[in-house]
Amino acid sequence: MEIIFEVRDAEEGGFWARALGHSIFTQAEIWDELRAMVQDATSLHFEDNPEQPTMIQLHYIKDELIPVRAA
């Protein structure tokens, strides 16, 4: 079983991540910390479930606005 997290930049800095299809949310200041937080949050969420995820996918989404000059 694989669980997918949508990861975005937090407005105040760092990152936030939320699991798709599960009520798991976490945040961190740096990427390595986010990876650890996602693993911990997933472990806690599935603590009493015999079917644990075997893979966690972090899907990083970066929004960027590019101004276009009028011709």
N, C-alpha and C. Protein backbone atom coordinates (compact mmCIF):
# COMPACT_ATOMS: atom_id res chain seq x y z
N MET A 1 0.84 -1.18 0.00
CA MET A 1 0.00 0.00 0.00
C MET A 1 0.89 1.25 0.00
N GLU A 2 0.55 2.18 -0.85
CA GLU A 2 1.30 3.43 -0.95
C GLU A 2 0.40 4.57 -0.49
N ILE A 3 0.99 5.54 0.20
CA ILE A 3 0.25 6.73 0.61
C ILE A 3 0.94 7.93 -0.03
N ILE A 4 0.13 8.84 -0.57
CA ILE A 4 0.66 10.00 -1.28
C ILE A 4 0.37 11.26 -0.48
N PHE A 5 1.40 12.08 -0.31
CA PHE A 5 1.26 13.38 0.35
C PHE A 5 1.44 14.49 -0.66
N GLU A 6 0.55 15.45 -0.62
CA GLU A 6 0.71 16.68 -1.39
C GLU A 6 1.55 17.61 -0.52
N VAL A 7 2.64 18.11 -1.06
CA VAL A 7 3.54 18.99 -0.30
C VAL A 7 3.57 20.35 -0.99
N ARG A 8 3.42 21.39 -0.20
CA ARG A 8 3.46 22.76 -0.73
C ARG A 8 4.32 23.63 0.19
N ASP A 9 4.77 24.76 -0.36
CA ASP A 9 5.47 25.74 0.45
C ASP A 9 4.48 26.39 1.41
N ALA A 10 4.87 26.54 2.67
CA ALA A 10 4.04 27.24 3.64
C ALA A 10 4.27 28.75 3.48
N GLU A 11 3.22 29.53 3.64
CA GLU A 11 3.34 30.98 3.47
C GLU A 11 4.37 31.58 4.42
N GLU A 12 4.43 31.06 5.64
CA GLU A 12 5.34 31.59 6.64
C GLU A 12 6.74 30.99 6.56
N GLY A 13 6.96 30.15 5.57
CA GLY A 13 8.25 29.49 5.39
C GLY A 13 8.13 28.01 5.70
N GLY A 14 9.00 27.23 5.15
CA GLY A 14 8.96 25.79 5.35
C GLY A 14 7.96 25.13 4.42
N PHE A 15 7.45 23.98 4.84
CA PHE A 15 6.56 23.18 4.00
C PHE A 15 5.39 22.67 4.83
N TRP A 16 4.29 22.35 4.15
CA TRP A 16 3.21 21.59 4.77
C TRP A 16 2.88 20.42 3.86
N ALA A 17 2.39 19.35 4.47
CA ALA A 17 2.07 18.14 3.71
C ALA A 17 0.75 17.58 4.21
N ARG A 18 -0.09 17.12 3.25
CA ARG A 18 -1.33 16.46 3.62
C ARG A 18 -1.49 15.21 2.79
N ALA A 19 -1.96 14.16 3.44
CA ALA A 19 -2.14 12.88 2.75
C ALA A 19 -3.41 12.92 1.92
N LEU A 20 -3.35 12.38 0.73
CA LEU A 20 -4.53 12.30 -0.12
C LEU A 20 -5.35 11.08 0.30
N GLY A 21 -6.61 11.33 0.65
CA GLY A 21 -7.49 10.23 1.05
C GLY A 21 -7.41 9.84 2.51
N HIS A 22 -6.60 10.53 3.29
CA HIS A 22 -6.46 10.24 4.71
C HIS A 22 -6.38 11.57 5.47
N SER A 23 -6.77 11.56 6.70
CA SER A 23 -6.72 12.79 7.50
C SER A 23 -5.38 12.90 8.23
N ILE A 24 -4.32 13.07 7.45
CA ILE A 24 -2.97 13.22 7.99
C ILE A 24 -2.42 14.55 7.46
N PHE A 25 -1.95 15.39 8.37
CA PHE A 25 -1.41 16.69 8.01
C PHE A 25 -0.21 16.96 8.91
N THR A 26 0.85 17.51 8.34
CA THR A 26 2.01 17.89 9.14
C THR A 26 2.76 19.01 8.43
N GLN A 27 3.68 19.62 9.14
CA GLN A 27 4.48 20.69 8.55
C GLN A 27 5.87 20.69 9.19
N ALA A 28 6.81 21.36 8.49
CA ALA A 28 8.18 21.42 8.98
C ALA A 28 8.90 22.59 8.30
N GLU A 29 10.01 22.97 8.89
CA GLU A 29 10.80 24.09 8.37
C GLU A 29 11.70 23.70 7.20
N ILE A 30 12.26 22.49 7.26
CA ILE A 30 13.18 22.05 6.20
C ILE A 30 12.72 20.68 5.66
N TRP A 31 13.19 20.36 4.46
CA TRP A 31 12.73 19.16 3.76
C TRP A 31 13.03 17.87 4.55
N ASP A 32 14.23 17.73 5.08
CA ASP A 32 14.56 16.51 5.82
C ASP A 32 13.68 16.34 7.05
N GLU A 33 13.38 17.44 7.71
CA GLU A 33 12.48 17.40 8.86
C GLU A 33 11.07 17.00 8.41
N LEU A 34 10.63 17.51 7.27
CA LEU A 34 9.30 17.17 6.76
C LEU A 34 9.21 15.67 6.48
N ARG A 35 10.24 15.11 5.89
CA ARG A 35 10.25 13.66 5.62
C ARG A 35 10.06 12.86 6.92
N ALA A 36 10.77 13.25 7.96
CA ALA A 36 10.65 12.57 9.25
C ALA A 36 9.25 12.77 9.85
N MET A 37 8.72 13.99 9.74
CA MET A 37 7.39 14.29 10.29
C MET A 37 6.30 13.50 9.55
N VAL A 38 6.44 13.36 8.24
CA VAL A 38 5.48 12.59 7.45
C VAL A 38 5.52 11.12 7.87
N GLN A 39 6.70 10.58 8.06
CA GLN A 39 6.82 9.19 8.50
C GLN A 39 6.19 8.99 9.88
N ASP A 40 6.47 9.91 10.80
CA ASP A 40 5.90 9.81 12.15
C ASP A 40 4.38 9.93 12.12
N ALA A 41 3.86 10.90 11.38
CA ALA A 41 2.42 11.11 11.30
C ALA A 41 1.72 9.90 10.67
N THR A 42 2.33 9.34 9.65
CA THR A 42 1.75 8.16 8.99
C THR A 42 1.75 6.97 9.94
N SER A 43 2.84 6.79 10.65
CA SER A 43 2.95 5.69 11.61
C SER A 43 1.87 5.80 12.69
N LEU A 44 1.68 6.99 13.21
CA LEU A 44 0.67 7.20 14.24
C LEU A 44 -0.74 7.00 13.70
N HIS A 45 -0.99 7.46 12.49
CA HIS A 45 -2.32 7.33 11.89
C HIS A 45 -2.71 5.87 11.69
N PHE A 46 -1.76 5.04 11.29
CA PHE A 46 -2.03 3.63 11.01
C PHE A 46 -1.63 2.71 12.17
N GLU A 47 -1.43 3.28 13.34
CA GLU A 47 -0.94 2.54 14.50
C GLU A 47 -1.76 1.28 14.80
N ASP A 48 -3.08 1.38 14.76
CA ASP A 48 -3.94 0.24 15.10
C ASP A 48 -4.48 -0.48 13.87
N ASN A 49 -3.96 -0.15 12.71
CA ASN A 49 -4.43 -0.74 11.47
C ASN A 49 -3.42 -1.81 11.03
N PRO A 50 -3.90 -3.03 10.80
CA PRO A 50 -2.95 -4.08 10.37
C PRO A 50 -2.35 -3.83 8.99
N GLU A 51 -3.03 -3.01 8.18
CA GLU A 51 -2.54 -2.71 6.84
C GLU A 51 -1.77 -1.39 6.84
N GLN A 52 -0.48 -1.48 7.04
CA GLN A 52 0.40 -0.30 7.08
C GLN A 52 0.90 0.02 5.67
N PRO A 53 1.06 1.31 5.34
CA PRO A 53 1.67 1.65 4.05
C PRO A 53 3.10 1.14 3.97
N THR A 54 3.48 0.68 2.80
CA THR A 54 4.86 0.21 2.60
C THR A 54 5.70 1.27 1.88
N MET A 55 5.02 2.30 1.36
CA MET A 55 5.71 3.35 0.61
C MET A 55 4.98 4.68 0.84
N ILE A 56 5.77 5.74 1.03
CA ILE A 56 5.23 7.09 1.15
C ILE A 56 5.77 7.90 -0.03
N GLN A 57 4.87 8.53 -0.76
CA GLN A 57 5.28 9.38 -1.89
C GLN A 57 5.00 10.83 -1.52
N LEU A 58 6.02 11.68 -1.66
CA LEU A 58 5.86 13.11 -1.45
C LEU A 58 5.75 13.76 -2.81
N HIS A 59 4.62 14.37 -3.07
CA HIS A 59 4.37 15.03 -4.35
C HIS A 59 4.44 16.53 -4.10
N TYR A 60 5.58 17.14 -4.45
CA TYR A 60 5.84 18.55 -4.19
C TYR A 60 5.23 19.41 -5.30
N ILE A 61 4.39 20.35 -4.90
CA ILE A 61 3.73 21.25 -5.84
C ILE A 61 4.20 22.66 -5.55
N LYS A 62 4.72 23.30 -6.55
CA LYS A 62 5.21 24.67 -6.39
C LYS A 62 4.41 25.59 -7.29
N ASP A 63 3.70 26.54 -6.68
CA ASP A 63 2.95 27.54 -7.43
C ASP A 63 3.88 28.70 -7.72
N GLU A 64 3.86 29.14 -8.96
CA GLU A 64 4.69 30.28 -9.34
C GLU A 64 3.90 31.14 -10.32
N LEU A 65 3.85 32.42 -10.02
CA LEU A 65 3.19 33.37 -10.90
C LEU A 65 4.25 34.15 -11.67
N ILE A 66 4.09 34.20 -12.97
CA ILE A 66 5.03 34.91 -13.83
C ILE A 66 4.28 36.04 -14.52
N PRO A 67 4.65 37.29 -14.22
CA PRO A 67 3.96 38.39 -14.89
C PRO A 67 4.33 38.45 -16.37
N VAL A 68 3.36 38.77 -17.19
CA VAL A 68 3.57 38.87 -18.63
C VAL A 68 3.30 40.31 -19.04
N ARG A 69 4.26 40.88 -19.73
CA ARG A 69 4.09 42.27 -20.17
C ARG A 69 3.13 42.31 -21.35
N ALA A 70 2.25 43.30 -21.34
CA ALA A 70 1.33 43.48 -22.46
C ALA A 70 2.12 43.96 -23.67
N ALA A 71 1.77 43.47 -24.82
CA ALA A 71 2.48 43.83 -26.06
C ALA A 71 2.09 45.22 -26.54
